[in-house]
PDB file of N, CA and C in Angstrom:
ATOM      1  N   MET A   1     -27.082 -13.312  32.535  1.00  0.00           N
ATOM      2  CA  MET A   1     -28.434 -13.737  32.850  1.00  0.00           C
ATOM      3  C   MET A   1     -28.797 -14.911  31.952  1.00  0.00           C
ATOM      4  N   ASN A   2     -29.598 -15.800  32.524  1.00  0.00           N
ATOM      5  CA  ASN A   2     -30.128 -16.927  31.775  1.00  0.00           C
ATOM      6  C   ASN A   2     -31.509 -17.252  32.325  1.00  0.00           C
ATOM      7  N   ILE A   3     -32.244 -18.067  31.575  1.00  0.00           N
ATOM      8  CA  ILE A   3     -33.569 -18.496  32.001  1.00  0.00           C
ATOM      9  C   ILE A   3     -33.773 -19.935  31.548  1.00  0.00           C
ATOM     10  N   SER A   4     -34.409 -20.711  32.392  1.00  0.00           N
ATOM     11  CA  SER A   4     -34.771 -22.083  32.020  1.00  0.00           C
ATOM     12  C   SER A   4     -36.278 -22.225  32.196  1.00  0.00           C
ATOM     13  N   PHE A   5     -36.874 -23.033  31.327  1.00  0.00           N
ATOM     14  CA  PHE A   5     -38.317 -23.213  31.317  1.00  0.00           C
ATOM     15  C   PHE A   5     -38.693 -24.662  31.535  1.00  0.00           C
ATOM     16  N   THR A   6     -39.785 -24.857  32.227  1.00  0.00           N
ATOM     17  CA  THR A   6     -40.451 -26.150  32.318  1.00  0.00           C
ATOM     18  C   THR A   6     -41.857 -25.959  31.778  1.00  0.00           C
ATOM     19  N   CYS A   7     -42.181 -26.716  30.746  1.00  0.00           N
ATOM     20  CA  CYS A   7     -43.506 -26.659  30.132  1.00  0.00           C
ATOM     21  C   CYS A   7     -44.251 -27.936  30.501  1.00  0.00           C
ATOM     22  N   THR A   8     -45.415 -27.785  31.079  1.00  0.00           N
ATOM     23  CA  THR A   8     -46.246 -28.922  31.439  1.00  0.00           C
ATOM     24  C   THR A   8     -47.450 -28.934  30.516  1.00  0.00           C
ATOM     25  N   VAL A   9     -47.633 -30.066  29.833  1.00  0.00           N
ATOM     26  CA  VAL A   9     -48.736 -30.201  28.889  1.00  0.00           C
ATOM     27  C   VAL A   9     -49.501 -31.483  29.189  1.00  0.00           C
ATOM     28  N   GLN A  10     -50.770 -31.494  28.812  1.00  0.00           N
ATOM     29  CA  GLN A  10     -51.615 -32.669  28.999  1.00  0.00           C
ATOM     30  C   GLN A  10     -51.438 -33.592  27.796  1.00  0.00           C
ATOM     31  N   GLU A  11     -51.369 -34.874  28.044  1.00  0.00           N
ATOM     32  CA  GLU A  11     -51.232 -35.858  26.974  1.00  0.00           C
ATOM     33  C   GLU A  11     -52.333 -35.655  25.928  1.00  0.00           C
ATOM     34  N   GLY A  12     -51.927 -35.598  24.666  1.00  0.00           N
ATOM     35  CA  GLY A  12     -52.870 -35.475  23.568  1.00  0.00           C
ATOM     36  C   GLY A  12     -53.315 -34.066  23.252  1.00  0.00           C
ATOM     37  N   VAL A  13     -52.883 -33.077  24.030  1.00  0.00           N
ATOM     38  CA  VAL A  13     -53.327 -31.698  23.811  1.00  0.00           C
ATOM     39  C   VAL A  13     -52.356 -30.926  22.913  1.00  0.00           C
ATOM     40  N   VAL A  14     -51.057 -31.103  23.123  1.00  0.00           N
ATOM     41  CA  VAL A  14     -50.044 -30.404  22.330  1.00  0.00           C
ATOM     42  C   VAL A  14     -49.176 -31.462  21.654  1.00  0.00           C
ATOM     43  N   PRO A  15     -49.364 -31.674  20.336  1.00  0.00           N
ATOM     44  CA  PRO A  15     -48.612 -32.701  19.625  1.00  0.00           C
ATOM     45  C   PRO A  15     -47.094 -32.468  19.671  1.00  0.00           C
ATOM     46  N   ASP A  16     -46.330 -33.556  19.539  1.00  0.00           N
ATOM     47  CA  ASP A  16     -44.869 -33.477  19.609  1.00  0.00           C
ATOM     48  C   ASP A  16     -44.283 -32.499  18.600  1.00  0.00           C
ATOM     49  N   ASP A  17     -44.779 -32.503  17.357  1.00  0.00           N
ATOM     50  CA  ASP A  17     -44.211 -31.615  16.342  1.00  0.00           C
ATOM     51  C   ASP A  17     -44.470 -30.148  16.682  1.00  0.00           C
ATOM     52  N   LEU A  18     -45.593 -29.847  17.310  1.00  0.00           N
ATOM     53  CA  LEU A  18     -45.884 -28.481  17.720  1.00  0.00           C
ATOM     54  C   LEU A  18     -45.030 -28.079  18.919  1.00  0.00           C
ATOM     55  N   ARG A  19     -44.693 -29.024  19.758  1.00  0.00           N
ATOM     56  CA  ARG A  19     -43.853 -28.729  20.927  1.00  0.00           C
ATOM     57  C   ARG A  19     -42.501 -28.180  20.492  1.00  0.00           C
ATOM     58  N   ILE A  20     -41.970 -28.699  19.404  1.00  0.00           N
ATOM     59  CA  ILE A  20     -40.683 -28.227  18.884  1.00  0.00           C
ATOM     60  C   ILE A  20     -40.794 -26.762  18.488  1.00  0.00           C
ATOM     61  N   LYS A  21     -41.863 -26.417  17.773  1.00  0.00           N
ATOM     62  CA  LYS A  21     -42.069 -25.027  17.352  1.00  0.00           C
ATOM     63  C   LYS A  21     -42.307 -24.124  18.555  1.00  0.00           C
ATOM     64  N   LEU A  22     -43.109 -24.569  19.512  1.00  0.00           N
ATOM     65  CA  LEU A  22     -43.375 -23.769  20.711  1.00  0.00           C
ATOM     66  C   LEU A  22     -42.086 -23.494  21.475  1.00  0.00           C
ATOM     67  N   ALA A  23     -41.245 -24.514  21.629  1.00  0.00           N
ATOM     68  CA  ALA A  23     -39.973 -24.343  22.335  1.00  0.00           C
ATOM     69  C   ALA A  23     -39.095 -23.314  21.630  1.00  0.00           C
ATOM     70  N   ALA A  24     -39.020 -23.402  20.309  1.00  0.00           N
ATOM     71  CA  ALA A  24     -38.218 -22.448  19.544  1.00  0.00           C
ATOM     72  C   ALA A  24     -38.749 -21.033  19.712  1.00  0.00           C
ATOM     73  N   GLU A  25     -40.058 -20.878  19.734  1.00  0.00           N
ATOM     74  CA  GLU A  25     -40.657 -19.557  19.880  1.00  0.00           C
ATOM     75  C   GLU A  25     -40.468 -19.006  21.294  1.00  0.00           C
ATOM     76  N   VAL A  26     -40.599 -19.847  22.306  1.00  0.00           N
ATOM     77  CA  VAL A  26     -40.356 -19.394  23.683  1.00  0.00           C
ATOM     78  C   VAL A  26     -38.914 -18.908  23.801  1.00  0.00           C
ATOM     79  N   LYS A  27     -37.985 -19.648  23.228  1.00  0.00           N
ATOM     80  CA  LYS A  27     -36.574 -19.245  23.278  1.00  0.00           C
ATOM     81  C   LYS A  27     -36.342 -17.949  22.505  1.00  0.00           C
ATOM     82  N   ARG A  28     -36.937 -17.832  21.324  1.00  0.00           N
ATOM     83  CA  ARG A  28     -36.771 -16.625  20.509  1.00  0.00           C
ATOM     84  C   ARG A  28     -37.299 -15.396  21.248  1.00  0.00           C
ATOM     85  N   ILE A  29     -38.505 -15.504  21.790  1.00  0.00           N
ATOM     86  CA  ILE A  29     -39.112 -14.393  22.521  1.00  0.00           C
ATOM     87  C   ILE A  29     -38.259 -14.022  23.735  1.00  0.00           C
ATOM     88  N   SER A  30     -37.832 -15.019  24.490  1.00  0.00           N
ATOM     89  CA  SER A  30     -37.037 -14.764  25.701  1.00  0.00           C
ATOM     90  C   SER A  30     -35.722 -14.079  25.359  1.00  0.00           C
ATOM     91  N   ALA A  31     -35.051 -14.565  24.323  1.00  0.00           N
ATOM     92  CA  ALA A  31     -33.780 -13.963  23.918  1.00  0.00           C
ATOM     93  C   ALA A  31     -33.977 -12.509  23.518  1.00  0.00           C
ATOM     94  N   SER A  32     -35.059 -12.237  22.808  1.00  0.00           N
ATOM     95  CA  SER A  32     -35.335 -10.877  22.353  1.00  0.00           C
ATOM     96  C   SER A  32     -35.660  -9.946  23.528  1.00  0.00           C
ATOM     97  N   VAL A  33     -36.558 -10.374  24.393  1.00  0.00           N
ATOM     98  CA  VAL A  33     -36.987  -9.513  25.509  1.00  0.00           C
ATOM     99  C   VAL A  33     -35.862  -9.320  26.523  1.00  0.00           C
ATOM    100  N   LEU A  34     -35.125 -10.389  26.812  1.00  0.00           N
ATOM    101  CA  LEU A  34     -34.086 -10.326  27.846  1.00  0.00           C
ATOM    102  C   LEU A  34     -32.712  -9.952  27.305  1.00  0.00           C
ATOM    103  N   ASN A  35     -32.598  -9.861  25.963  1.00  0.00           N
ATOM    104  CA  ASN A  35     -31.332  -9.547  25.304  1.00  0.00           C
ATOM    105  C   ASN A  35     -30.228 -10.536  25.700  1.00  0.00           C
ATOM    106  N   ILE A  36     -30.557 -11.826  25.540  1.00  0.00           N
ATOM    107  CA  ILE A  36     -29.610 -12.903  25.823  1.00  0.00           C
ATOM    108  C   ILE A  36     -29.573 -13.849  24.617  1.00  0.00           C
ATOM    109  N   ALA A  37     -28.594 -14.735  24.585  1.00  0.00           N
ATOM    110  CA  ALA A  37     -28.459 -15.692  23.484  1.00  0.00           C
ATOM    111  C   ALA A  37     -29.459 -16.839  23.644  1.00  0.00           C
ATOM    112  N   GLU A  38     -30.086 -17.242  22.545  1.00  0.00           N
ATOM    113  CA  GLU A  38     -31.038 -18.359  22.579  1.00  0.00           C
ATOM    114  C   GLU A  38     -30.380 -19.660  22.996  1.00  0.00           C
ATOM    115  N   GLY A  39     -29.124 -19.839  22.639  1.00  0.00           N
ATOM    116  CA  GLY A  39     -28.438 -21.098  22.897  1.00  0.00           C
ATOM    117  C   GLY A  39     -28.326 -21.465  24.360  1.00  0.00           C
ATOM    118  N   GLY A  40     -28.357 -20.486  25.238  1.00  0.00           N
ATOM    119  CA  GLY A  40     -28.235 -20.756  26.668  1.00  0.00           C
ATOM    120  C   GLY A  40     -29.557 -20.932  27.385  1.00  0.00           C
ATOM    121  N   ILE A  41     -30.664 -20.892  26.646  1.00  0.00           N
ATOM    122  CA  ILE A  41     -31.983 -21.012  27.265  1.00  0.00           C
ATOM    123  C   ILE A  41     -32.399 -22.478  27.250  1.00  0.00           C
ATOM    124  N   ASP A  42     -32.675 -23.018  28.425  1.00  0.00           N
ATOM    125  CA  ASP A  42     -33.096 -24.413  28.548  1.00  0.00           C
ATOM    126  C   ASP A  42     -34.620 -24.483  28.575  1.00  0.00           C
ATOM    127  N   LEU A  43     -35.165 -25.563  27.975  1.00  0.00           N
ATOM    128  CA  LEU A  43     -36.609 -25.773  27.995  1.00  0.00           C
ATOM    129  C   LEU A  43     -36.872 -27.267  27.989  1.00  0.00           C
ATOM    130  N   ASP A  44     -37.618 -27.714  28.985  1.00  0.00           N
ATOM    131  CA  ASP A  44     -37.993 -29.122  29.100  1.00  0.00           C
ATOM    132  C   ASP A  44     -39.503 -29.228  29.140  1.00  0.00           C
ATOM    133  N   TYR A  45     -40.007 -30.326  28.575  1.00  0.00           N
ATOM    134  CA  TYR A  45     -41.443 -30.615  28.632  1.00  0.00           C
ATOM    135  C   TYR A  45     -41.709 -31.728  29.634  1.00  0.00           C
ATOM    136  N   HIS A  46     -42.806 -31.604  30.332  1.00  0.00           N
ATOM    137  CA  HIS A  46     -43.336 -32.665  31.181  1.00  0.00           C
ATOM    138  C   HIS A  46     -44.762 -32.902  30.721  1.00  0.00           C
ATOM    139  N   GLU A  47     -45.097 -34.158  30.533  1.00  0.00           N
ATOM    140  CA  GLU A  47     -46.436 -34.498  30.059  1.00  0.00           C
ATOM    141  C   GLU A  47     -47.231 -35.159  31.176  1.00  0.00           C
ATOM    142  N   VAL A  48     -48.459 -34.679  31.365  1.00  0.00           N
ATOM    143  CA  VAL A  48     -49.375 -35.259  32.342  1.00  0.00           C
ATOM    144  C   VAL A  48     -50.237 -36.272  31.578  1.00  0.00           C
ATOM    145  N   ARG A  49     -50.185 -37.521  32.007  1.00  0.00           N
ATOM    146  CA  ARG A  49     -50.963 -38.554  31.318  1.00  0.00           C
ATOM    147  C   ARG A  49     -52.442 -38.231  31.338  1.00  0.00           C
ATOM    148  N   HIS A  50     -53.113 -38.603  30.260  1.00  0.00           N
ATOM    149  CA  HIS A  50     -54.550 -38.350  30.136  1.00  0.00           C
ATOM    150  C   HIS A  50     -55.288 -38.923  31.356  1.00  0.00           C
ATOM    151  N   GLY A  51     -56.140 -38.105  31.949  1.00  0.00           N
ATOM    152  CA  GLY A  51     -56.908 -38.525  33.110  1.00  0.00           C
ATOM    153  C   GLY A  51     -56.212 -38.293  34.438  1.00  0.00           C
ATOM    154  N   PHE A  52     -54.966 -37.795  34.423  1.00  0.00           N
ATOM    155  CA  PHE A  52     -54.241 -37.548  35.673  1.00  0.00           C
ATOM    156  C   PHE A  52     -54.261 -36.070  36.059  1.00  0.00           C
ATOM    157  N   GLY A  53     -54.816 -35.214  35.204  1.00  0.00           N
ATOM    158  CA  GLY A  53     -54.936 -33.794  35.510  1.00  0.00           C
ATOM    159  C   GLY A  53     -56.373 -33.347  35.297  1.00  0.00           C
ATOM    160  N   PHE A  54     -56.905 -32.614  36.268  1.00  0.00           N
ATOM    161  CA  PHE A  54     -58.286 -32.147  36.190  1.00  0.00           C
ATOM    162  C   PHE A  54     -58.353 -30.650  36.462  1.00  0.00           C
ATOM    163  N   ARG A  55     -59.312 -29.984  35.827  1.00  0.00           N
ATOM    164  CA  ARG A  55     -59.586 -28.573  36.048  1.00  0.00           C
ATOM    165  C   ARG A  55     -61.105 -28.414  36.033  1.00  0.00           C
ATOM    166  N   GLY A  56     -61.661 -27.918  37.097  1.00  0.00           N
ATOM    167  CA  GLY A  56     -63.109 -27.724  37.173  1.00  0.00           C
ATOM    168  C   GLY A  56     -63.888 -29.011  37.074  1.00  0.00           C
ATOM    169  N   GLY A  57     -63.322 -30.100  37.574  1.00  0.00           N
ATOM    170  CA  GLY A  57     -64.010 -31.389  37.560  1.00  0.00           C
ATOM    171  C   GLY A  57     -63.951 -32.121  36.236  1.00  0.00           C
ATOM    172  N   GLU A  58     -63.241 -31.581  35.256  1.00  0.00           N
ATOM    173  CA  GLU A  58     -63.101 -32.199  33.938  1.00  0.00           C
ATOM    174  C   GLU A  58     -61.632 -32.495  33.673  1.00  0.00           C
ATOM    175  N   VAL A  59     -61.379 -33.415  32.745  1.00  0.00           N
ATOM    176  CA  VAL A  59     -60.001 -33.699  32.354  1.00  0.00           C
ATOM    177  C   VAL A  59     -59.374 -32.404  31.834  1.00  0.00           C
ATOM    178  N   SER A  60     -58.201 -32.076  32.334  1.00  0.00           N
ATOM    179  CA  SER A  60     -57.560 -30.799  32.030  1.00  0.00           C
ATOM    180  C   SER A  60     -57.010 -30.748  30.610  1.00  0.00           C
ATOM    181  N   THR A  61     -57.102 -29.566  30.021  1.00  0.00           N
ATOM    182  CA  THR A  61     -56.453 -29.262  28.749  1.00  0.00           C
ATOM    183  C   THR A  61     -55.446 -28.126  28.945  1.00  0.00           C
ATOM    184  N   THR A  62     -55.158 -27.797  30.193  1.00  0.00           N
ATOM    185  CA  THR A  62     -54.299 -26.660  30.517  1.00  0.00           C
ATOM    186  C   THR A  62     -52.823 -26.987  30.307  1.00  0.00           C
ATOM    187  N   SER A  63     -52.102 -26.025  29.736  1.00  0.00           N
ATOM    188  CA  SER A  63     -50.652 -26.086  29.605  1.00  0.00           C
ATOM    189  C   SER A  63     -50.056 -24.977  30.452  1.00  0.00           C
ATOM    190  N   THR A  64     -48.867 -25.229  30.982  1.00  0.00           N
ATOM    191  CA  THR A  64     -48.171 -24.210  31.760  1.00  0.00           C
ATOM    192  C   THR A  64     -46.747 -24.053  31.246  1.00  0.00           C
ATOM    193  N   VAL A  65     -46.242 -22.825  31.327  1.00  0.00           N
ATOM    194  CA  VAL A  65     -44.851 -22.527  31.018  1.00  0.00           C
ATOM    195  C   VAL A  65     -44.309 -21.774  32.218  1.00  0.00           C
ATOM    196  N   GLY A  66     -43.357 -22.367  32.902  1.00  0.00           N
ATOM    197  CA  GLY A  66     -42.739 -21.742  34.068  1.00  0.00           C
ATOM    198  C   GLY A  66     -41.287 -21.443  33.797  1.00  0.00           C
ATOM    199  N   GLY A  67     -40.905 -20.192  33.944  1.00  0.00           N
ATOM    200  CA  GLY A  67     -39.520 -19.787  33.725  1.00  0.00           C
ATOM    201  C   GLY A  67     -38.835 -19.476  35.035  1.00  0.00           C
ATOM    202  N   GLN A  68     -37.560 -19.827  35.128  1.00  0.00           N
ATOM    203  CA  GLN A  68     -36.736 -19.540  36.301  1.00  0.00           C
ATOM    204  C   GLN A  68     -35.522 -18.746  35.842  1.00  0.00           C
ATOM    205  N   LEU A  69     -35.418 -17.512  36.311  1.00  0.00           N
ATOM    206  CA  LEU A  69     -34.305 -16.638  35.957  1.00  0.00           C
ATOM    207  C   LEU A  69     -33.107 -16.852  36.857  1.00  0.00           C
ATOM    208  N   THR A  70     -31.914 -16.519  36.339  1.00  0.00           N
ATOM    209  CA  THR A  70     -30.706 -16.546  37.159  1.00  0.00           C
ATOM    210  C   THR A  70     -30.414 -15.177  37.751  1.00  0.00           C
ATOM    211  N   GLU A  71     -31.073 -14.117  37.212  1.00  0.00           N
ATOM    212  CA  GLU A  71     -30.960 -12.763  37.740  1.00  0.00           C
ATOM    213  C   GLU A  71     -32.348 -12.136  37.727  1.00  0.00           C
ATOM    214  N   ALA A  72     -32.616 -11.276  38.679  1.00  0.00           N
ATOM    215  CA  ALA A  72     -33.917 -10.609  38.759  1.00  0.00           C
ATOM    216  C   ALA A  72     -34.111  -9.646  37.597  1.00  0.00           C
ATOM    217  N   ILE A  73     -35.370  -9.470  37.209  1.00  0.00           N
ATOM    218  CA  ILE A  73     -35.721  -8.488  36.186  1.00  0.00           C
ATOM    219  C   ILE A  73     -36.818  -7.579  36.735  1.00  0.00           C
ATOM    220  N   ASP A  74     -37.009  -6.428  36.088  1.00  0.00           N
ATOM    221  CA  ASP A  74     -38.055  -5.509  36.544  1.00  0.00           C
ATOM    222  C   ASP A  74     -39.424  -6.029  36.087  1.00  0.00           C
ATOM    223  N   GLN A  75     -40.458  -5.545  36.739  1.00  0.00           N
ATOM    224  CA  GLN A  75     -41.809  -6.032  36.490  1.00  0.00           C
ATOM    225  C   GLN A  75     -42.273  -5.741  35.060  1.00  0.00           C
ATOM    226  N   GLU A  76     -41.904  -4.608  34.504  1.00  0.00           N
ATOM    227  CA  GLU A  76     -42.307  -4.269  33.134  1.00  0.00           C
ATOM    228  C   GLU A  76     -41.753  -5.286  32.133  1.00  0.00           C
ATOM    229  N   THR A  77     -40.500  -5.683  32.309  1.00  0.00           N
ATOM    230  CA  THR A  77     -39.890  -6.683  31.436  1.00  0.00           C
ATOM    231  C   THR A  77     -40.567  -8.033  31.630  1.00  0.00           C
ATOM    232  N   ARG A  78     -40.854  -8.398  32.881  1.00  0.00           N
ATOM    233  CA  ARG A  78     -41.522  -9.669  33.176  1.00  0.00           C
ATOM    234  C   ARG A  78     -42.894  -9.737  32.493  1.00  0.00           C
ATOM    235  N   VAL A  79     -43.665  -8.668  32.620  1.00  0.00           N
ATOM    236  CA  VAL A  79     -44.995  -8.627  32.015  1.00  0.00           C
ATOM    237  C   VAL A  79     -44.893  -8.731  30.493  1.00  0.00           C
ATOM    238  N   ASP A  80     -43.943  -8.021  29.897  1.00  0.00           N
ATOM    239  CA  ASP A  80     -43.740  -8.085  28.453  1.00  0.00           C
ATOM    240  C   ASP A  80     -43.409  -9.512  28.020  1.00  0.00           C
ATOM    241  N   LEU A  81     -42.487 -10.148  28.716  1.00  0.00           N
ATOM    242  CA  LEU A  81     -42.087 -11.522  28.387  1.00  0.00           C
ATOM    243  C   LEU A  81     -43.259 -12.489  28.514  1.00  0.00           C
ATOM    244  N   MET A  82     -43.970 -12.420  29.623  1.00  0.00           N
ATOM    245  CA  MET A  82     -45.097 -13.345  29.821  1.00  0.00           C
ATOM    246  C   MET A  82     -46.217 -13.095  28.812  1.00  0.00           C
ATOM    247  N   THR A  83     -46.486 -11.839  28.495  1.00  0.00           N
ATOM    248  CA  THR A  83     -47.541 -11.515  27.529  1.00  0.00           C
ATOM    249  C   THR A  83     -47.193 -12.046  26.145  1.00  0.00           C
ATOM    250  N   GLN A  84     -45.950 -11.852  25.730  1.00  0.00           N
ATOM    251  CA  GLN A  84     -45.546 -12.343  24.404  1.00  0.00           C
ATOM    252  C   GLN A  84     -45.607 -13.870  24.335  1.00  0.00           C
ATOM    253  N   ILE A  85     -45.164 -14.547  25.387  1.00  0.00           N
ATOM    254  CA  ILE A  85     -45.231 -16.012  25.409  1.00  0.00           C
ATOM    255  C   ILE A  85     -46.681 -16.467  25.378  1.00  0.00           C
ATOM    256  N   MET A  86     -47.541 -15.836  26.175  1.00  0.00           N
ATOM    257  CA  MET A  86     -48.960 -16.203  26.212  1.00  0.00           C
ATOM    258  C   MET A  86     -49.613 -16.015  24.844  1.00  0.00           C
ATOM    259  N   ASN A  87     -49.393 -14.875  24.221  1.00  0.00           N
ATOM    260  CA  ASN A  87     -50.007 -14.605  22.920  1.00  0.00           C
ATOM    261  C   ASN A  87     -49.547 -15.596  21.862  1.00  0.00           C
ATOM    262  N   MET A  88     -48.261 -15.917  21.853  1.00  0.00           N
ATOM    263  CA  MET A  88     -47.729 -16.872  20.897  1.00  0.00           C
ATOM    264  C   MET A  88     -48.326 -18.249  21.135  1.00  0.00           C
ATOM    265  N   TRP A  89     -48.342 -18.710  22.402  1.00  0.00           N
ATOM    266  CA  TRP A  89     -48.828 -20.049  22.735  1.00  0.00           C
ATOM    267  C   TRP A  89     -50.294 -20.201  22.328  1.00  0.00           C
ATOM    268  N   MET A  90     -51.093 -19.198  22.641  1.00  0.00           N
ATOM    269  CA  MET A  90     -52.511 -19.255  22.299  1.00  0.00           C
ATOM    270  C   MET A  90     -52.709 -19.263  20.782  1.00  0.00           C
ATOM    271  N   ALA A  91     -51.920 -18.469  20.054  1.00  0.00           N
ATOM    272  CA  ALA A  91     -52.036 -18.429  18.592  1.00  0.00           C
ATOM    273  C   ALA A  91     -51.624 -19.759  17.961  1.00  0.00           C
ATOM    274  N   GLU A  92     -50.570 -20.371  18.472  1.00  0.00           N
ATOM    275  CA  GLU A  92     -50.056 -21.622  17.890  1.00  0.00           C
ATOM    276  C   GLU A  92     -50.900 -22.839  18.251  1.00  0.00           C
ATOM    277  N   THR A  93     -51.430 -22.865  19.473  1.00  0.00           N
ATOM    278  CA  THR A  93     -52.161 -24.060  19.927  1.00  0.00           C
ATOM    279  C   THR A  93     -53.666 -23.933  19.763  1.00  0.00           C
ATOM    280  N   GLY A  94     -54.160 -22.697  19.679  1.00  0.00           N
ATOM    281  CA  GLY A  94     -55.600 -22.491  19.621  1.00  0.00           C
ATOM    282  C   GLY A  94     -56.281 -22.623  20.973  1.00  0.00           C
ATOM    283  N   CYS A  95     -55.488 -22.654  22.040  1.00  0.00           N
ATOM    284  CA  CYS A  95     -56.081 -22.781  23.374  1.00  0.00           C
ATOM    285  C   CYS A  95     -56.756 -21.476  23.781  1.00  0.00           C
ATOM    286  N   GLU A  96     -57.641 -21.582  24.737  1.00  0.00           N
ATOM    287  CA  GLU A  96     -58.321 -20.417  25.300  1.00  0.00           C
ATOM    288  C   GLU A  96     -57.470 -19.833  26.424  1.00  0.00           C
ATOM    289  N   VAL A  97     -57.774 -18.606  26.810  1.00  0.00           N
ATOM    290  CA  VAL A  97     -56.994 -17.924  27.833  1.00  0.00           C
ATOM    291  C   VAL A  97     -57.010 -18.681  29.162  1.00  0.00           C
ATOM    292  N   ASP A  98     -58.091 -19.400  29.467  1.00  0.00           N
ATOM    293  CA  ASP A  98     -58.143 -20.139  30.731  1.00  0.00           C
ATOM    294  C   ASP A  98     -57.529 -21.532  30.628  1.00  0.00           C
ATOM    295  N   GLU A  99     -56.868 -21.828  29.513  1.00  0.00           N
ATOM    296  CA  GLU A  99     -56.186 -23.114  29.334  1.00  0.00           C
ATOM    297  C   GLU A  99     -54.668 -22.956  29.334  1.00  0.00           C
ATOM    298  N   PHE A 100     -54.175 -21.788  29.749  1.00  0.00           N
ATOM    299  CA  PHE A 100     -52.740 -21.535  29.700  1.00  0.00           C
ATOM    300  C   PHE A 100     -52.318 -20.696  30.892  1.00  0.00           C
ATOM    301  N   LEU A 101     -51.170 -21.046  31.462  1.00  0.00           N
ATOM    302  CA  LEU A 101     -50.590 -20.309  32.574  1.00  0.00           C
ATOM    303  C   LEU A 101     -49.111 -20.123  32.293  1.00  0.00           C
ATOM    304  N   VAL A 102     -48.631 -18.899  32.447  1.00  0.00           N
ATOM    305  CA  VAL A 102     -47.199 -18.624  32.302  1.00  0.00           C
ATOM    306  C   VAL A 102     -46.728 -17.883  33.547  1.00  0.00           C
ATOM    307  N   SER A 103     -45.542 -18.247  34.023  1.00  0.00           N
ATOM    308  CA  SER A 103     -44.945 -17.558  35.175  1.00  0.00           C
ATOM    309  C   SER A 103     -43.449 -17.440  34.941  1.00  0.00           C
ATOM    310  N   ILE A 104     -42.879 -16.359  35.452  1.00  0.00           N
ATOM    311  CA  ILE A 104     -41.430 -16.119  35.367  1.00  0.00           C
ATOM    312  C   ILE A 104     -40.962 -15.763  36.766  1.00  0.00           C
ATOM    313  N   ARG A 105     -40.100 -16.611  37.342  1.00  0.00           N
ATOM    314  CA  ARG A 105     -39.635 -16.395  38.716  1.00  0.00           C
ATOM    315  C   ARG A 105     -38.219 -15.836  38.736  1.00  0.00           C
ATOM    316  N   ASP A 106     -37.982 -14.916  39.680  1.00  0.00           N
ATOM    317  CA  ASP A 106     -36.638 -14.433  39.937  1.00  0.00           C
ATOM    318  C   ASP A 106     -35.869 -15.527  40.683  1.00  0.00           C
ATOM    319  N   PRO A 107     -34.554 -15.399  40.753  1.00  0.00           N
ATOM    320  CA  PRO A 107     -33.778 -16.379  41.520  1.00  0.00           C
ATOM    321  C   PRO A 107     -34.191 -16.383  42.984  1.00  0.00           C
ATOM    322  N   GLN A 108     -33.988 -17.500  43.614  1.00  0.00           N
ATOM    323  CA  GLN A 108     -34.387 -17.628  45.027  1.00  0.00           C
ATOM    324  C   GLN A 108     -33.239 -17.312  45.948  1.00  0.00           C
TER     325      GLN A 108
END
């Protein structure tokens, strides 16, 4: 089993140095919950330029973390993984619960 992540952040919301720490933590949490090696977990960032993303009619501050699995997992494991990633992201960035979205998809 493996998982790859795409993190979408708004320009100016999550600094580059923090992105490194967030990526390491997402990998650490995923390896622990899924019992896989961190080295095989891929994570890429995509940045939305300031003014190109909106939420509720205002410039967006929302970040997303989307994971794609190579093998299906049970719902309890999925919820545990997403909850741990959400709690870590909010603690590290100081974002509010409505400024973060995490999803973990089974293979298609």
